[in-house]
Each structure stands twice: as structure tokens, then as C-alpha cells.
């Protein structure tokens, strides 16, 4: 696997090097600006994974990340975020990255992410004390209902959701009715709008 890291932080570059070594992967190519990283991604040899430091001055925020994910669909993007920002990680996952994690994570944690990037997962990695509030208390939604609501917001249909969780489609419909009722929504589309507007997923 060919990896690059876009960061102007020497300590983070060393962390990526150690993480790759732990995984038995080749040393990552390092770039200290996003502009240089993007230029390298357009030329052979093709990279499989890019680790991006969100603190890069020329990154341009999540819009740049989203454009990169759309243009390079086979590229695994790992975004390292400041201050264990869980909300930012949630938004980042919607851009198409495969993992969002705090920049302070250990080299072993980064190595774990690198070993999973071929699994086509959307991961949000954070310390236990920073675990996000899923707002079960305020909405009354169960954990399964929150999972289904998240899938709905990602554009999945009932049949796809049923297959994902290994349940019957009729069970998904039952959960969907409960979600709509608990959120006071008119229909599933309205439920998704409420969820996204109130950052429930």
C-alpha cells in the first residue's frame, strides 16, 4: 500500500512513519502543504491512502476534502482533526473520508486505522471520554433507531438498511414509523431533515 501524509508538523509526519512501520507498510511520502499533496496525487505512482492534517494552512476546509474524495473514489482519506472535535468528525465523514480522528491520537491508533482502510468503513476514532452524545435522552430514540436514522440520512432504502443490519425489511419499516413519530416528522424525508438540522446523526 502506498501512503502519503500532508502535514507541516514534523512530529505528525514521524507518527505516520511509525504507524506504517507497525503495519509493515512502506514509509509514507510526506508533503508540507496540501497543494503539493494534491499535485502528487495527480501523478503516478498512484497512492492508496492519504493522511491529511486538518490544521494545514492551505487546506481550504472540508470542501477541499470533499472534492478530493469525489475525484479519487478509490483513495482512502484519513483526516486528522484538532481538539478531538467530534462534531467536525461527523461532518467530515459525510464528505467521503474513511476515517476521522483527533490529531493527538497515538501511532498505534493510527496504525490500527491504516490496517482497516481496505474494509471500506467510515470510522470516527476518539478517546472514550470524548464519546459523542447520541441524544437518546432528548429524542427517545433507541440505539437501533439511531443507526437506522443515520442510514436514512445517508440515502439508503429500507431494503439496503435491512441487509446491512441483518434484519427483515418489515422490521426496518416498524423502526422507521417509530422514528417518524418520535421526531414529530411527516414522513421519512422530513425525519432525515430534522435529524440533519439538529445534528442527531
N, C-alpha and C. Protein backbone atom coordinates (compact mmCIF):
# COMPACT_ATOMS: atom_id res chain seq x y z
N UNK A 1 0.84 -1.19 0.00
CA UNK A 1 0.00 0.00 0.00
C UNK A 1 0.88 1.25 0.00
N UNK A 2 0.56 2.19 -0.86
CA UNK A 2 1.34 3.43 -0.97
C UNK A 2 0.59 4.55 -0.24
N UNK A 3 1.27 5.14 0.75
CA UNK A 3 0.64 6.13 1.63
C UNK A 3 1.36 7.47 1.52
N UNK A 4 0.60 8.56 1.67
CA UNK A 4 1.21 9.88 1.81
C UNK A 4 0.61 10.57 3.02
N UNK A 5 1.35 11.49 3.58
CA UNK A 5 0.82 12.32 4.65
C UNK A 5 1.02 13.78 4.28
N UNK A 6 -0.05 14.56 4.42
CA UNK A 6 0.00 16.00 4.16
C UNK A 6 -0.06 16.72 5.49
N UNK A 7 1.11 17.17 5.97
CA UNK A 7 1.18 17.87 7.25
C UNK A 7 2.49 18.63 7.33
N UNK A 8 2.44 19.82 7.94
CA UNK A 8 3.68 20.58 8.15
C UNK A 8 4.20 20.40 9.58
N UNK A 9 3.64 19.41 10.28
CA UNK A 9 4.06 19.09 11.65
C UNK A 9 5.02 17.90 11.61
N UNK A 10 6.32 18.13 11.88
CA UNK A 10 7.30 17.04 11.83
C UNK A 10 6.95 15.88 12.76
N UNK A 11 6.38 16.20 13.93
CA UNK A 11 6.01 15.15 14.88
C UNK A 11 4.92 14.24 14.31
N UNK A 12 3.97 14.85 13.60
CA UNK A 12 2.89 14.07 12.99
C UNK A 12 3.43 13.23 11.83
N UNK A 13 4.36 13.79 11.08
CA UNK A 13 4.97 13.03 10.00
C UNK A 13 5.70 11.80 10.56
N UNK A 14 6.41 11.98 11.69
CA UNK A 14 7.11 10.85 12.32
C UNK A 14 6.11 9.82 12.84
N UNK A 15 4.97 10.31 13.36
CA UNK A 15 3.94 9.40 13.85
C UNK A 15 3.40 8.53 12.72
N UNK A 16 3.19 9.12 11.56
CA UNK A 16 2.70 8.38 10.40
C UNK A 16 3.74 7.34 9.96
N UNK A 17 5.01 7.72 10.03
CA UNK A 17 6.09 6.81 9.67
C UNK A 17 6.11 5.61 10.61
N UNK A 18 5.97 5.86 11.90
CA UNK A 18 5.96 4.78 12.89
C UNK A 18 4.74 3.89 12.70
N UNK A 19 3.58 4.51 12.44
CA UNK A 19 2.34 3.74 12.24
C UNK A 19 2.47 2.81 11.05
N UNK A 20 3.02 3.33 9.96
CA UNK A 20 3.21 2.50 8.76
C UNK A 20 4.17 1.35 9.06
N UNK A 21 5.21 1.63 9.82
CA UNK A 21 6.19 0.61 10.18
C UNK A 21 5.54 -0.49 11.02
N UNK A 22 4.68 -0.09 11.96
CA UNK A 22 3.96 -1.07 12.79
C UNK A 22 3.13 -2.01 11.92
N UNK A 23 2.54 -1.45 10.86
CA UNK A 23 1.69 -2.24 9.95
C UNK A 23 2.49 -3.02 8.91
N UNK A 24 3.79 -2.78 8.87
CA UNK A 24 4.61 -3.42 7.85
C UNK A 24 4.39 -2.83 6.47
N UNK A 25 4.00 -1.55 6.44
CA UNK A 25 3.75 -0.85 5.19
C UNK A 25 4.94 0.03 4.84
N UNK A 26 5.10 0.37 3.56
CA UNK A 26 6.20 1.27 3.16
C UNK A 26 6.07 2.63 3.84
N UNK A 27 7.19 3.30 4.01
CA UNK A 27 7.20 4.63 4.63
C UNK A 27 6.35 5.60 3.81
N UNK A 28 5.51 6.39 4.45
CA UNK A 28 4.67 7.35 3.71
C UNK A 28 5.50 8.48 3.11
N UNK A 29 5.06 8.96 1.97
CA UNK A 29 5.66 10.16 1.39
C UNK A 29 5.09 11.37 2.13
N UNK A 30 5.94 12.32 2.49
CA UNK A 30 5.48 13.47 3.26
C UNK A 30 5.44 14.75 2.44
N UNK A 31 4.37 15.53 2.62
CA UNK A 31 4.22 16.82 1.94
C UNK A 31 3.79 17.85 2.97
N UNK A 32 4.42 19.02 2.95
CA UNK A 32 4.13 20.01 3.99
C UNK A 32 3.07 21.03 3.61
N UNK A 33 2.48 20.89 2.42
CA UNK A 33 1.33 21.72 2.03
C UNK A 33 0.32 20.83 1.31
N UNK A 34 -0.93 21.26 1.33
CA UNK A 34 -1.97 20.50 0.63
C UNK A 34 -1.79 20.62 -0.87
N UNK A 35 -1.30 21.76 -1.31
CA UNK A 35 -1.07 21.97 -2.74
C UNK A 35 -0.08 20.94 -3.29
N UNK A 36 1.00 20.71 -2.57
CA UNK A 36 2.00 19.72 -3.00
C UNK A 36 1.41 18.31 -2.98
N UNK A 37 0.61 18.02 -1.96
CA UNK A 37 0.00 16.70 -1.86
C UNK A 37 -0.96 16.45 -3.02
N UNK A 38 -1.79 17.45 -3.32
CA UNK A 38 -2.75 17.30 -4.42
C UNK A 38 -2.03 17.12 -5.75
N UNK A 39 -0.93 17.84 -5.95
CA UNK A 39 -0.15 17.69 -7.18
C UNK A 39 0.41 16.28 -7.29
N UNK A 40 0.91 15.75 -6.17
CA UNK A 40 1.47 14.40 -6.18
C UNK A 40 0.40 13.35 -6.46
N UNK A 41 -0.82 13.61 -5.99
CA UNK A 41 -1.91 12.65 -6.21
C UNK A 41 -2.33 12.57 -7.67
N UNK A 42 -1.99 13.58 -8.45
CA UNK A 42 -2.35 13.59 -9.87
C UNK A 42 -1.33 12.89 -10.74
N UNK A 43 -0.20 12.51 -10.14
CA UNK A 43 0.88 11.88 -10.91
C UNK A 43 1.14 10.47 -10.43
N UNK A 44 1.61 9.60 -11.34
CA UNK A 44 1.99 8.26 -10.90
C UNK A 44 3.26 8.32 -10.06
N UNK A 45 3.50 7.31 -9.20
CA UNK A 45 2.63 6.15 -8.95
C UNK A 45 1.41 6.53 -8.12
N UNK A 46 0.36 5.75 -8.28
CA UNK A 46 -0.90 6.07 -7.63
C UNK A 46 -0.86 5.73 -6.14
N UNK A 47 -1.37 6.63 -5.31
CA UNK A 47 -1.42 6.40 -3.86
C UNK A 47 -2.73 5.71 -3.49
N UNK A 48 -2.65 4.86 -2.46
CA UNK A 48 -3.84 4.17 -1.95
C UNK A 48 -4.48 4.91 -0.79
N UNK A 49 -3.67 5.68 -0.05
CA UNK A 49 -4.16 6.34 1.15
C UNK A 49 -3.45 7.67 1.35
N UNK A 50 -4.20 8.67 1.78
CA UNK A 50 -3.60 9.95 2.16
C UNK A 50 -4.08 10.32 3.57
N UNK A 51 -3.13 10.67 4.42
CA UNK A 51 -3.42 11.15 5.77
C UNK A 51 -3.31 12.66 5.72
N UNK A 52 -4.39 13.36 6.05
CA UNK A 52 -4.41 14.82 5.94
C UNK A 52 -4.52 15.46 7.32
N UNK A 53 -3.64 16.38 7.59
CA UNK A 53 -3.67 17.18 8.81
C UNK A 53 -4.62 18.36 8.56
N UNK A 54 -5.75 18.39 9.27
CA UNK A 54 -6.76 19.42 9.04
C UNK A 54 -6.25 20.82 9.37
N UNK A 55 -5.14 20.88 10.11
CA UNK A 55 -4.59 22.17 10.52
C UNK A 55 -3.77 22.85 9.42
N UNK A 56 -3.57 22.16 8.29
CA UNK A 56 -2.78 22.74 7.20
C UNK A 56 -3.37 24.09 6.76
N UNK A 57 -2.52 25.09 6.67
CA UNK A 57 -2.98 26.44 6.36
C UNK A 57 -3.65 26.55 5.00
N UNK A 58 -3.20 25.75 4.03
CA UNK A 58 -3.75 25.87 2.67
C UNK A 58 -4.76 24.77 2.34
N UNK A 59 -5.28 24.10 3.38
CA UNK A 59 -6.23 23.01 3.10
C UNK A 59 -7.52 23.51 2.48
N UNK A 60 -8.07 24.58 3.05
CA UNK A 60 -9.33 25.08 2.50
C UNK A 60 -10.55 24.42 3.09
N UNK A 61 -10.40 23.77 4.24
CA UNK A 61 -11.54 23.18 4.94
C UNK A 61 -12.06 21.90 4.31
N UNK A 62 -13.27 21.52 4.71
CA UNK A 62 -13.85 20.25 4.26
C UNK A 62 -14.22 20.25 2.78
N UNK A 63 -14.37 21.43 2.19
CA UNK A 63 -14.71 21.47 0.76
C UNK A 63 -13.61 20.84 -0.08
N UNK A 64 -12.37 21.13 0.27
CA UNK A 64 -11.24 20.53 -0.46
C UNK A 64 -11.23 19.02 -0.27
N UNK A 65 -11.49 18.59 0.96
CA UNK A 65 -11.51 17.16 1.26
C UNK A 65 -12.63 16.47 0.47
N UNK A 66 -13.80 17.10 0.43
CA UNK A 66 -14.93 16.52 -0.29
C UNK A 66 -14.63 16.40 -1.78
N UNK A 67 -14.04 17.43 -2.36
CA UNK A 67 -13.68 17.39 -3.79
C UNK A 67 -12.69 16.27 -4.07
N UNK A 68 -11.73 16.11 -3.16
CA UNK A 68 -10.74 15.05 -3.33
C UNK A 68 -11.40 13.67 -3.27
N UNK A 69 -12.31 13.48 -2.32
CA UNK A 69 -12.99 12.19 -2.19
C UNK A 69 -13.85 11.88 -3.41
N UNK A 70 -14.45 12.90 -3.99
CA UNK A 70 -15.28 12.69 -5.18
C UNK A 70 -14.43 12.36 -6.40
N UNK A 71 -13.30 13.04 -6.51
CA UNK A 71 -12.44 12.86 -7.68
C UNK A 71 -11.64 11.57 -7.62
N UNK A 72 -11.22 11.18 -6.42
CA UNK A 72 -10.40 9.98 -6.23
C UNK A 72 -11.17 8.98 -5.38
N UNK A 73 -12.15 8.32 -5.97
CA UNK A 73 -13.05 7.45 -5.21
C UNK A 73 -12.35 6.25 -4.60
N UNK A 74 -11.24 5.81 -5.20
CA UNK A 74 -10.52 4.65 -4.68
C UNK A 74 -9.48 5.04 -3.63
N UNK A 75 -9.31 6.32 -3.40
CA UNK A 75 -8.31 6.79 -2.45
C UNK A 75 -8.91 6.81 -1.04
N UNK A 76 -8.23 6.15 -0.11
CA UNK A 76 -8.66 6.16 1.30
C UNK A 76 -8.13 7.43 1.95
N UNK A 77 -9.03 8.26 2.47
CA UNK A 77 -8.64 9.52 3.09
C UNK A 77 -8.82 9.43 4.60
N UNK A 78 -7.72 9.66 5.32
CA UNK A 78 -7.75 9.70 6.78
C UNK A 78 -7.53 11.16 7.19
N UNK A 79 -8.52 11.75 7.86
CA UNK A 79 -8.45 13.15 8.23
C UNK A 79 -8.18 13.27 9.73
N UNK A 80 -7.07 13.92 10.08
CA UNK A 80 -6.71 14.11 11.48
C UNK A 80 -7.15 15.50 11.91
N UNK A 81 -8.04 15.54 12.89
CA UNK A 81 -8.74 16.75 13.28
C UNK A 81 -8.23 17.30 14.61
N UNK A 82 -8.33 18.61 14.82
CA UNK A 82 -7.84 19.21 16.07
C UNK A 82 -8.81 19.04 17.23
N UNK A 83 -8.27 18.97 18.41
CA UNK A 83 -9.03 19.07 19.67
C UNK A 83 -10.15 18.05 19.82
N UNK A 84 -9.97 16.86 19.29
CA UNK A 84 -10.97 15.80 19.44
C UNK A 84 -12.36 16.31 19.10
N UNK A 85 -12.47 17.03 17.99
CA UNK A 85 -13.72 17.67 17.59
C UNK A 85 -14.66 16.63 16.97
N UNK A 86 -15.55 16.08 17.79
CA UNK A 86 -16.44 15.01 17.35
C UNK A 86 -17.43 15.50 16.30
N UNK A 87 -17.97 16.70 16.49
CA UNK A 87 -18.94 17.23 15.52
C UNK A 87 -18.28 17.43 14.16
N UNK A 88 -17.07 17.94 14.15
CA UNK A 88 -16.34 18.11 12.90
C UNK A 88 -16.08 16.76 12.25
N UNK A 89 -15.78 15.75 13.06
CA UNK A 89 -15.55 14.40 12.53
C UNK A 89 -16.81 13.86 11.86
N UNK A 90 -17.97 14.13 12.48
CA UNK A 90 -19.24 13.68 11.89
C UNK A 90 -19.44 14.31 10.50
N UNK A 91 -19.21 15.61 10.43
CA UNK A 91 -19.37 16.30 9.15
C UNK A 91 -18.35 15.80 8.13
N UNK A 92 -17.15 15.53 8.59
CA UNK A 92 -16.09 15.06 7.69
C UNK A 92 -16.45 13.71 7.08
N UNK A 93 -17.06 12.83 7.87
CA UNK A 93 -17.44 11.51 7.36
C UNK A 93 -18.42 11.62 6.20
N UNK A 94 -19.24 12.67 6.22
CA UNK A 94 -20.21 12.86 5.13
C UNK A 94 -19.53 13.27 3.83
N UNK A 95 -18.28 13.74 3.90
CA UNK A 95 -17.58 14.14 2.67
C UNK A 95 -17.03 12.94 1.92
N UNK A 96 -16.97 11.79 2.60
CA UNK A 96 -16.47 10.59 1.92
C UNK A 96 -15.16 10.05 2.47
N UNK A 97 -14.63 10.66 3.54
CA UNK A 97 -13.40 10.14 4.12
C UNK A 97 -13.66 8.76 4.72
N UNK A 98 -12.59 7.99 4.90
CA UNK A 98 -12.78 6.67 5.50
C UNK A 98 -12.57 6.71 7.01
N UNK A 99 -11.88 7.73 7.52
CA UNK A 99 -11.67 7.82 8.96
C UNK A 99 -11.41 9.25 9.38
N UNK A 100 -12.01 9.62 10.51
CA UNK A 100 -11.74 10.91 11.14
C UNK A 100 -11.26 10.65 12.55
N UNK A 101 -10.18 11.29 12.95
CA UNK A 101 -9.60 11.04 14.27
C UNK A 101 -8.90 12.29 14.78
N UNK A 102 -8.74 12.42 16.09
CA UNK A 102 -8.02 13.57 16.63
C UNK A 102 -6.55 13.50 16.27
N UNK A 103 -5.95 14.63 16.02
CA UNK A 103 -4.55 14.68 15.62
C UNK A 103 -3.64 14.18 16.73
N UNK A 104 -4.14 14.17 17.97
CA UNK A 104 -3.34 13.73 19.10
C UNK A 104 -3.29 12.21 19.26
N UNK A 105 -3.97 11.45 18.40
CA UNK A 105 -4.01 10.01 18.58
C UNK A 105 -2.61 9.40 18.54
N UNK A 106 -2.46 8.24 19.14
CA UNK A 106 -1.16 7.59 19.21
C UNK A 106 -0.79 6.96 17.88
N UNK A 107 0.51 6.65 17.73
CA UNK A 107 0.95 5.99 16.50
C UNK A 107 0.31 4.61 16.36
N UNK A 108 0.06 3.93 17.51
CA UNK A 108 -0.58 2.62 17.46
C UNK A 108 -2.03 2.74 16.99
N UNK A 109 -2.73 3.79 17.44
CA UNK A 109 -4.11 4.00 16.99
C UNK A 109 -4.14 4.31 15.50
N UNK A 110 -3.19 5.11 15.03
CA UNK A 110 -3.11 5.41 13.61
C UNK A 110 -2.81 4.15 12.81
N UNK A 111 -1.95 3.30 13.36
CA UNK A 111 -1.64 2.02 12.70
C UNK A 111 -2.90 1.17 12.58
N UNK A 112 -3.74 1.18 13.62
CA UNK A 112 -4.99 0.42 13.59
C UNK A 112 -5.90 0.91 12.47
N UNK A 113 -5.95 2.24 12.31
CA UNK A 113 -6.76 2.81 11.23
C UNK A 113 -6.23 2.36 9.88
N UNK A 114 -4.92 2.39 9.70
CA UNK A 114 -4.32 2.01 8.42
C UNK A 114 -4.61 0.55 8.07
N UNK A 115 -4.70 -0.31 9.09
CA UNK A 115 -4.97 -1.72 8.81
C UNK A 115 -6.43 -1.95 8.41
N UNK A 116 -7.30 -0.97 8.70
CA UNK A 116 -8.73 -1.14 8.42
C UNK A 116 -9.20 -0.39 7.17
N UNK A 117 -8.33 0.41 6.56
CA UNK A 117 -8.83 1.28 5.49
C UNK A 117 -9.26 0.52 4.25
N UNK A 118 -8.82 -0.73 4.09
CA UNK A 118 -9.26 -1.52 2.95
C UNK A 118 -10.64 -2.12 3.15
N UNK A 119 -11.22 -1.93 4.34
CA UNK A 119 -12.50 -2.54 4.66
C UNK A 119 -13.69 -1.68 4.22
N UNK A 120 -13.43 -0.52 3.61
CA UNK A 120 -14.48 0.38 3.14
C UNK A 120 -15.41 0.80 4.29
N UNK A 121 -14.79 1.19 5.40
CA UNK A 121 -15.55 1.63 6.56
C UNK A 121 -15.54 3.15 6.67
N UNK A 122 -16.50 3.69 7.38
CA UNK A 122 -16.48 5.10 7.74
C UNK A 122 -16.25 5.17 9.24
N UNK A 123 -15.05 5.47 9.65
CA UNK A 123 -14.70 5.38 11.07
C UNK A 123 -14.53 6.76 11.69
N UNK A 124 -15.00 6.86 12.93
CA UNK A 124 -14.73 8.05 13.72
C UNK A 124 -14.03 7.55 14.98
N UNK A 125 -12.78 7.94 15.15
CA UNK A 125 -11.96 7.43 16.25
C UNK A 125 -11.77 8.55 17.26
N UNK A 126 -12.05 8.27 18.54
CA UNK A 126 -11.90 9.28 19.56
C UNK A 126 -11.75 8.59 20.91
N UNK A 127 -11.14 9.25 21.88
CA UNK A 127 -11.00 8.67 23.22
C UNK A 127 -12.35 8.43 23.86
N UNK A 128 -12.42 7.50 24.79
CA UNK A 128 -13.69 7.16 25.43
C UNK A 128 -14.35 8.36 26.08
N UNK A 129 -13.54 9.22 26.72
CA UNK A 129 -14.13 10.36 27.40
C UNK A 129 -14.73 11.38 26.43
N UNK A 130 -14.36 11.28 25.14
CA UNK A 130 -14.89 12.22 24.15
C UNK A 130 -16.02 11.61 23.35
N UNK A 131 -16.51 10.45 23.78
CA UNK A 131 -17.56 9.76 23.04
C UNK A 131 -18.76 10.67 22.84
N UNK A 132 -19.27 10.79 21.62
CA UNK A 132 -20.34 11.74 21.37
C UNK A 132 -21.67 11.34 22.00
N UNK A 133 -22.42 12.33 22.39
CA UNK A 133 -23.77 12.13 22.92
C UNK A 133 -24.70 11.86 21.75
N UNK A 134 -25.29 10.66 21.72
CA UNK A 134 -26.17 10.30 20.61
C UNK A 134 -27.59 10.82 20.81
N UNK A 135 -27.78 11.58 21.87
CA UNK A 135 -29.05 12.28 22.10
C UNK A 135 -30.23 11.33 22.28
N UNK A 136 -29.96 10.13 22.82
CA UNK A 136 -31.05 9.21 23.09
C UNK A 136 -32.01 9.79 24.13
N UNK A 137 -31.46 10.50 25.12
CA UNK A 137 -32.31 11.05 26.19
C UNK A 137 -33.27 12.11 25.67
N UNK A 138 -32.81 12.92 24.71
CA UNK A 138 -33.63 14.04 24.25
C UNK A 138 -34.63 13.63 23.17
N UNK A 139 -34.35 12.57 22.44
CA UNK A 139 -35.26 12.18 21.36
C UNK A 139 -36.07 10.94 21.69
N UNK A 140 -35.58 10.14 22.64
CA UNK A 140 -36.26 8.88 22.95
C UNK A 140 -35.94 7.79 21.96
N UNK A 141 -35.04 8.06 21.00
CA UNK A 141 -34.69 7.05 20.01
C UNK A 141 -33.79 5.99 20.62
N UNK A 142 -34.04 4.73 20.27
CA UNK A 142 -33.18 3.64 20.72
C UNK A 142 -31.89 3.65 19.89
N UNK A 143 -30.91 2.86 20.33
CA UNK A 143 -29.65 2.78 19.57
C UNK A 143 -29.91 2.29 18.14
N UNK A 144 -30.76 1.26 18.00
CA UNK A 144 -31.07 0.73 16.66
C UNK A 144 -31.76 1.79 15.82
N UNK A 145 -32.67 2.55 16.42
CA UNK A 145 -33.37 3.60 15.67
C UNK A 145 -32.39 4.68 15.21
N UNK A 146 -31.42 5.00 16.06
CA UNK A 146 -30.39 5.97 15.66
C UNK A 146 -29.55 5.44 14.51
N UNK A 147 -29.25 4.15 14.54
CA UNK A 147 -28.48 3.53 13.45
C UNK A 147 -29.26 3.60 12.14
N UNK A 148 -30.55 3.29 12.22
CA UNK A 148 -31.39 3.31 11.03
C UNK A 148 -31.58 4.74 10.53
N UNK A 149 -31.73 5.68 11.46
CA UNK A 149 -31.86 7.08 11.09
C UNK A 149 -30.60 7.57 10.37
N UNK A 150 -29.44 7.15 10.86
CA UNK A 150 -28.18 7.50 10.21
C UNK A 150 -28.13 6.96 8.79
N UNK A 151 -28.54 5.71 8.62
CA UNK A 151 -28.56 5.10 7.29
C UNK A 151 -29.53 5.82 6.37
N UNK A 152 -30.68 6.24 6.92
CA UNK A 152 -31.66 7.00 6.14
C UNK A 152 -31.04 8.30 5.64
N UNK A 153 -30.32 8.99 6.54
CA UNK A 153 -29.69 10.27 6.17
C UNK A 153 -28.59 10.08 5.13
N UNK A 154 -28.07 8.87 5.04
CA UNK A 154 -27.05 8.57 4.03
C UNK A 154 -27.67 8.15 2.70
N UNK A 155 -29.03 8.18 2.64
CA UNK A 155 -29.72 7.91 1.39
C UNK A 155 -30.05 6.45 1.13
N UNK A 156 -29.93 5.60 2.14
CA UNK A 156 -30.20 4.18 1.94
C UNK A 156 -31.69 3.89 2.04
N UNK A 157 -32.12 2.92 1.26
CA UNK A 157 -33.52 2.49 1.26
C UNK A 157 -33.72 1.39 2.30
N UNK A 158 -34.99 1.09 2.61
CA UNK A 158 -35.31 0.10 3.64
C UNK A 158 -34.65 -1.25 3.38
N UNK A 159 -34.67 -1.68 2.13
CA UNK A 159 -34.10 -2.99 1.77
C UNK A 159 -32.59 -3.01 2.06
N UNK A 160 -31.90 -1.91 1.72
CA UNK A 160 -30.46 -1.82 1.97
C UNK A 160 -30.16 -1.79 3.46
N UNK A 161 -30.99 -1.08 4.22
CA UNK A 161 -30.80 -1.00 5.67
C UNK A 161 -31.02 -2.36 6.31
N UNK A 162 -32.04 -3.07 5.84
CA UNK A 162 -32.32 -4.41 6.37
C UNK A 162 -31.14 -5.35 6.13
N UNK A 163 -30.60 -5.29 4.94
CA UNK A 163 -29.45 -6.13 4.60
C UNK A 163 -28.24 -5.77 5.46
N UNK A 164 -28.02 -4.49 5.69
CA UNK A 164 -26.87 -4.03 6.46
C UNK A 164 -26.90 -4.56 7.89
N UNK A 165 -28.09 -4.54 8.51
CA UNK A 165 -28.19 -4.94 9.91
C UNK A 165 -28.66 -6.38 10.10
N UNK A 166 -28.90 -7.09 8.99
CA UNK A 166 -29.32 -8.48 9.08
C UNK A 166 -30.69 -8.66 9.69
N UNK A 167 -31.60 -7.75 9.36
CA UNK A 167 -32.97 -7.83 9.87
C UNK A 167 -33.95 -7.82 8.71
N UNK A 168 -35.23 -8.10 9.01
CA UNK A 168 -36.25 -8.12 7.97
C UNK A 168 -36.62 -6.69 7.57
N UNK A 169 -37.03 -6.53 6.32
CA UNK A 169 -37.42 -5.21 5.84
C UNK A 169 -38.63 -4.68 6.61
N UNK A 170 -39.52 -5.58 7.00
CA UNK A 170 -40.70 -5.17 7.77
C UNK A 170 -40.28 -4.60 9.13
N UNK A 171 -39.18 -5.11 9.69
CA UNK A 171 -38.66 -4.60 10.96
C UNK A 171 -38.12 -3.19 10.78
N UNK A 172 -37.47 -2.96 9.64
CA UNK A 172 -36.96 -1.62 9.34
C UNK A 172 -38.12 -0.64 9.23
N UNK A 173 -39.20 -1.06 8.57
CA UNK A 173 -40.37 -0.20 8.42
C UNK A 173 -40.98 0.13 9.78
N UNK A 174 -40.98 -0.85 10.67
CA UNK A 174 -41.51 -0.63 12.02
C UNK A 174 -40.66 0.41 12.76
N UNK A 175 -39.33 0.26 12.67
CA UNK A 175 -38.43 1.23 13.29
C UNK A 175 -38.60 2.61 12.67
N UNK A 176 -38.79 2.64 11.36
CA UNK A 176 -38.93 3.91 10.66
C UNK A 176 -40.18 4.65 11.12
N UNK A 177 -41.28 3.92 11.32
CA UNK A 177 -42.51 4.54 11.83
C UNK A 177 -42.27 5.12 13.23
N UNK A 178 -41.53 4.38 14.05
CA UNK A 178 -41.23 4.84 15.41
C UNK A 178 -40.37 6.11 15.37
N UNK A 179 -39.41 6.13 14.46
CA UNK A 179 -38.53 7.30 14.31
C UNK A 179 -39.33 8.53 13.91
N UNK A 180 -40.21 8.35 12.91
CA UNK A 180 -41.04 9.45 12.42
C UNK A 180 -41.92 10.00 13.54
N UNK A 181 -42.51 9.08 14.33
CA UNK A 181 -43.38 9.50 15.43
C UNK A 181 -42.61 10.24 16.51
N UNK A 182 -41.45 9.70 16.90
CA UNK A 182 -40.66 10.30 17.98
C UNK A 182 -40.10 11.67 17.60
N UNK A 183 -39.81 11.85 16.31
CA UNK A 183 -39.26 13.14 15.87
C UNK A 183 -40.36 14.13 15.48
N UNK A 184 -41.60 13.65 15.47
CA UNK A 184 -42.71 14.51 15.07
C UNK A 184 -42.63 14.88 13.59
N UNK A 185 -42.13 13.95 12.79
CA UNK A 185 -41.95 14.20 11.35
C UNK A 185 -43.19 13.78 10.56
N UNK A 186 -43.29 14.33 9.35
CA UNK A 186 -44.41 14.00 8.47
C UNK A 186 -44.15 12.71 7.70
N UNK A 187 -42.90 12.48 7.36
CA UNK A 187 -42.52 11.29 6.61
C UNK A 187 -41.02 11.04 6.80
N UNK A 188 -40.47 10.03 6.11
CA UNK A 188 -39.06 9.68 6.31
C UNK A 188 -38.12 10.79 5.83
N UNK A 189 -38.51 11.48 4.76
CA UNK A 189 -37.68 12.59 4.27
C UNK A 189 -37.62 13.71 5.29
N UNK A 190 -38.79 14.01 5.86
CA UNK A 190 -38.86 15.05 6.89
C UNK A 190 -38.04 14.63 8.12
N UNK A 191 -38.08 13.33 8.46
CA UNK A 191 -37.31 12.82 9.60
C UNK A 191 -35.82 13.02 9.37
N UNK A 192 -35.37 12.76 8.15
CA UNK A 192 -33.95 12.94 7.82
C UNK A 192 -33.57 14.41 7.92
N UNK A 193 -34.46 15.29 7.47
CA UNK A 193 -34.18 16.73 7.54
C UNK A 193 -34.06 17.18 9.00
N UNK A 194 -34.95 16.68 9.85
CA UNK A 194 -34.92 17.03 11.27
C UNK A 194 -33.62 16.53 11.89
N UNK A 195 -33.25 15.31 11.55
CA UNK A 195 -32.03 14.72 12.11
C UNK A 195 -30.80 15.51 11.72
N UNK A 196 -30.71 15.89 10.46
CA UNK A 196 -29.53 16.63 9.99
C UNK A 196 -29.50 18.05 10.55
N UNK A 197 -30.66 18.67 10.62
CA UNK A 197 -30.75 20.03 11.13
C UNK A 197 -30.36 20.12 12.60
N UNK A 198 -30.70 19.07 13.37
CA UNK A 198 -30.43 19.06 14.80
C UNK A 198 -29.19 18.24 15.17
N UNK A 199 -28.43 17.83 14.15
CA UNK A 199 -27.18 17.11 14.37
C UNK A 199 -27.40 15.85 15.22
N UNK A 200 -28.45 15.09 14.89
CA UNK A 200 -28.74 13.86 15.63
C UNK A 200 -27.93 12.69 15.13
N UNK A 201 -27.38 12.79 13.92
CA UNK A 201 -26.59 11.70 13.35
C UNK A 201 -25.23 12.22 12.92
